[in-house]
Amino acid sequence: MVKFDRSLNAYYCEICKLHYKDKELAEKCQEWCSTHDSCNLSIAKNSIEALSRRTGRTS
């Protein structure tokens, strides 16, 4: 089950700790991580961390 991080106002995968604004993406991420013991780049590219790196923002 994904968790909600109030400080970022986002959901996150408990396994890889990536944050998502969309709960469905966080659930897909967590399902992938738990099944494959790895990250899926097509899901992870939508994380807040990945988006902030592309835009140069820190949050």
N, C-alpha and C. Protein backbone atom coordinates (compact mmCIF):
# COMPACT_ATOMS: atom_id res chain seq x y z
N MET A 1 0.84 -1.18 0.00
CA MET A 1 0.00 0.00 0.00
C MET A 1 0.88 1.24 0.00
N VAL A 2 0.60 2.16 -0.90
CA VAL A 2 1.38 3.38 -0.98
C VAL A 2 1.06 4.29 0.21
N LYS A 3 1.98 5.16 0.51
CA LYS A 3 1.82 6.09 1.63
C LYS A 3 1.71 7.51 1.07
N PHE A 4 1.20 8.41 1.91
CA PHE A 4 1.07 9.81 1.54
C PHE A 4 2.07 10.63 2.34
N ASP A 5 2.84 11.45 1.65
CA ASP A 5 3.83 12.32 2.27
C ASP A 5 3.24 13.72 2.34
N ARG A 6 2.86 14.14 3.53
CA ARG A 6 2.21 15.45 3.68
C ARG A 6 3.15 16.61 3.35
N SER A 7 4.43 16.45 3.59
CA SER A 7 5.36 17.55 3.32
C SER A 7 5.47 17.86 1.82
N LEU A 8 5.31 16.84 0.98
CA LEU A 8 5.36 17.04 -0.47
C LEU A 8 3.98 17.01 -1.11
N ASN A 9 2.96 16.71 -0.30
CA ASN A 9 1.60 16.57 -0.82
C ASN A 9 1.57 15.58 -1.98
N ALA A 10 2.18 14.41 -1.75
CA ALA A 10 2.31 13.41 -2.80
C ALA A 10 2.33 12.00 -2.20
N TYR A 11 2.00 11.04 -3.05
CA TYR A 11 2.06 9.63 -2.67
C TYR A 11 3.44 9.09 -3.00
N TYR A 12 3.87 8.04 -2.28
CA TYR A 12 5.18 7.48 -2.60
C TYR A 12 5.20 5.96 -2.46
N CYS A 13 6.08 5.37 -3.24
CA CYS A 13 6.31 3.93 -3.22
C CYS A 13 7.15 3.62 -1.98
N GLU A 14 6.68 2.71 -1.16
CA GLU A 14 7.41 2.36 0.06
C GLU A 14 8.71 1.63 -0.23
N ILE A 15 8.86 1.07 -1.40
CA ILE A 15 10.04 0.29 -1.73
C ILE A 15 11.18 1.19 -2.24
N CYS A 16 10.93 1.94 -3.31
CA CYS A 16 12.00 2.77 -3.89
C CYS A 16 11.97 4.21 -3.40
N LYS A 17 10.88 4.60 -2.72
CA LYS A 17 10.72 5.94 -2.12
C LYS A 17 10.53 7.06 -3.12
N LEU A 18 10.18 6.75 -4.38
CA LEU A 18 9.87 7.81 -5.34
C LEU A 18 8.47 8.34 -5.07
N HIS A 19 8.31 9.65 -5.26
CA HIS A 19 7.04 10.34 -4.99
C HIS A 19 6.29 10.64 -6.28
N TYR A 20 4.95 10.58 -6.18
CA TYR A 20 4.08 10.84 -7.33
C TYR A 20 2.89 11.68 -6.88
N LYS A 21 2.49 12.63 -7.70
CA LYS A 21 1.28 13.42 -7.42
C LYS A 21 0.04 12.55 -7.59
N ASP A 22 0.11 11.57 -8.48
CA ASP A 22 -1.01 10.70 -8.80
C ASP A 22 -0.89 9.38 -8.02
N LYS A 23 -1.92 9.06 -7.25
CA LYS A 23 -1.91 7.84 -6.44
C LYS A 23 -1.78 6.59 -7.31
N GLU A 24 -2.42 6.59 -8.48
CA GLU A 24 -2.36 5.43 -9.37
C GLU A 24 -0.93 5.14 -9.82
N LEU A 25 -0.16 6.17 -10.12
CA LEU A 25 1.23 5.97 -10.53
C LEU A 25 2.05 5.41 -9.36
N ALA A 26 1.81 5.90 -8.18
CA ALA A 26 2.52 5.38 -7.00
C ALA A 26 2.19 3.91 -6.79
N GLU A 27 0.94 3.54 -7.00
CA GLU A 27 0.54 2.14 -6.86
C GLU A 27 1.18 1.27 -7.92
N LYS A 28 1.24 1.77 -9.17
CA LYS A 28 1.91 1.02 -10.25
C LYS A 28 3.38 0.83 -9.93
N CYS A 29 4.01 1.89 -9.43
CA CYS A 29 5.42 1.83 -9.07
C CYS A 29 5.64 0.77 -7.99
N GLN A 30 4.85 0.83 -6.95
CA GLN A 30 5.01 -0.12 -5.85
C GLN A 30 4.76 -1.56 -6.31
N GLU A 31 3.77 -1.75 -7.15
CA GLU A 31 3.49 -3.09 -7.67
C GLU A 31 4.68 -3.61 -8.48
N TRP A 32 5.23 -2.74 -9.34
CA TRP A 32 6.37 -3.14 -10.16
C TRP A 32 7.57 -3.46 -9.26
N CYS A 33 7.88 -2.57 -8.34
CA CYS A 33 9.04 -2.76 -7.46
C CYS A 33 8.94 -4.06 -6.66
N SER A 34 7.76 -4.35 -6.15
CA SER A 34 7.60 -5.55 -5.32
C SER A 34 7.64 -6.82 -6.16
N THR A 35 7.18 -6.76 -7.40
CA THR A 35 7.16 -7.92 -8.27
C THR A 35 8.52 -8.20 -8.91
N HIS A 36 9.21 -7.14 -9.34
CA HIS A 36 10.43 -7.30 -10.13
C HIS A 36 11.72 -6.95 -9.38
N ASP A 37 11.61 -6.45 -8.17
CA ASP A 37 12.77 -6.03 -7.39
C ASP A 37 13.67 -5.07 -8.17
N SER A 38 13.01 -4.16 -8.89
CA SER A 38 13.71 -3.14 -9.67
C SER A 38 12.75 -1.99 -9.93
N CYS A 39 13.25 -0.91 -10.53
CA CYS A 39 12.39 0.21 -10.92
C CYS A 39 12.08 0.12 -12.41
N ASN A 40 10.91 0.58 -12.78
CA ASN A 40 10.49 0.64 -14.17
C ASN A 40 10.68 2.08 -14.63
N LEU A 41 11.55 2.31 -15.60
CA LEU A 41 11.85 3.67 -16.03
C LEU A 41 10.65 4.39 -16.63
N SER A 42 9.75 3.65 -17.27
CA SER A 42 8.58 4.32 -17.85
C SER A 42 7.62 4.82 -16.76
N ILE A 43 7.67 4.22 -15.59
CA ILE A 43 6.88 4.71 -14.45
C ILE A 43 7.69 5.78 -13.70
N ALA A 44 8.94 5.50 -13.41
CA ALA A 44 9.78 6.39 -12.61
C ALA A 44 10.00 7.75 -13.26
N LYS A 45 9.92 7.82 -14.59
CA LYS A 45 10.12 9.12 -15.26
C LYS A 45 9.03 10.12 -14.89
N ASN A 46 7.92 9.64 -14.32
CA ASN A 46 6.82 10.51 -13.90
C ASN A 46 6.90 10.90 -12.43
N SER A 47 7.93 10.46 -11.75
CA SER A 47 8.06 10.78 -10.32
C SER A 47 8.40 12.26 -10.14
N ILE A 48 8.09 12.77 -8.98
CA ILE A 48 8.42 14.16 -8.66
C ILE A 48 9.92 14.38 -8.75
N GLU A 49 10.70 13.41 -8.30
CA GLU A 49 12.15 13.53 -8.34
C GLU A 49 12.67 13.66 -9.77
N ALA A 50 12.15 12.84 -10.68
CA ALA A 50 12.58 12.89 -12.08
C ALA A 50 12.13 14.20 -12.74
N LEU A 51 10.90 14.59 -12.46
CA LEU A 51 10.39 15.83 -13.05
C LEU A 51 11.16 17.04 -12.56
N SER A 52 11.54 17.05 -11.30
CA SER A 52 12.28 18.20 -10.76
C SER A 52 13.69 18.27 -11.34
N ARG A 53 14.28 17.13 -11.65
CA ARG A 53 15.61 17.15 -12.28
C ARG A 53 15.55 17.70 -13.69
N ARG A 54 14.46 17.35 -14.41
CA ARG A 54 14.33 17.83 -15.79
C ARG A 54 14.04 19.33 -15.83
N THR A 55 13.34 19.84 -14.84
CA THR A 55 12.99 21.26 -14.83
C THR A 55 13.95 22.09 -14.00
N GLY A 56 14.84 21.43 -13.27
CA GLY A 56 15.80 22.15 -12.46
C GLY A 56 15.28 22.60 -11.12
N ARG A 57 14.09 22.11 -10.73
CA ARG A 57 13.50 22.46 -9.43
C ARG A 57 13.88 21.42 -8.39
N THR A 58 13.90 21.82 -7.14
CA THR A 58 14.23 20.90 -6.06
C THR A 58 12.99 20.37 -5.36
N SER A 59 11.82 20.90 -5.59
CA SER A 59 10.59 20.37 -4.98
C SER A 59 9.40 20.53 -5.87
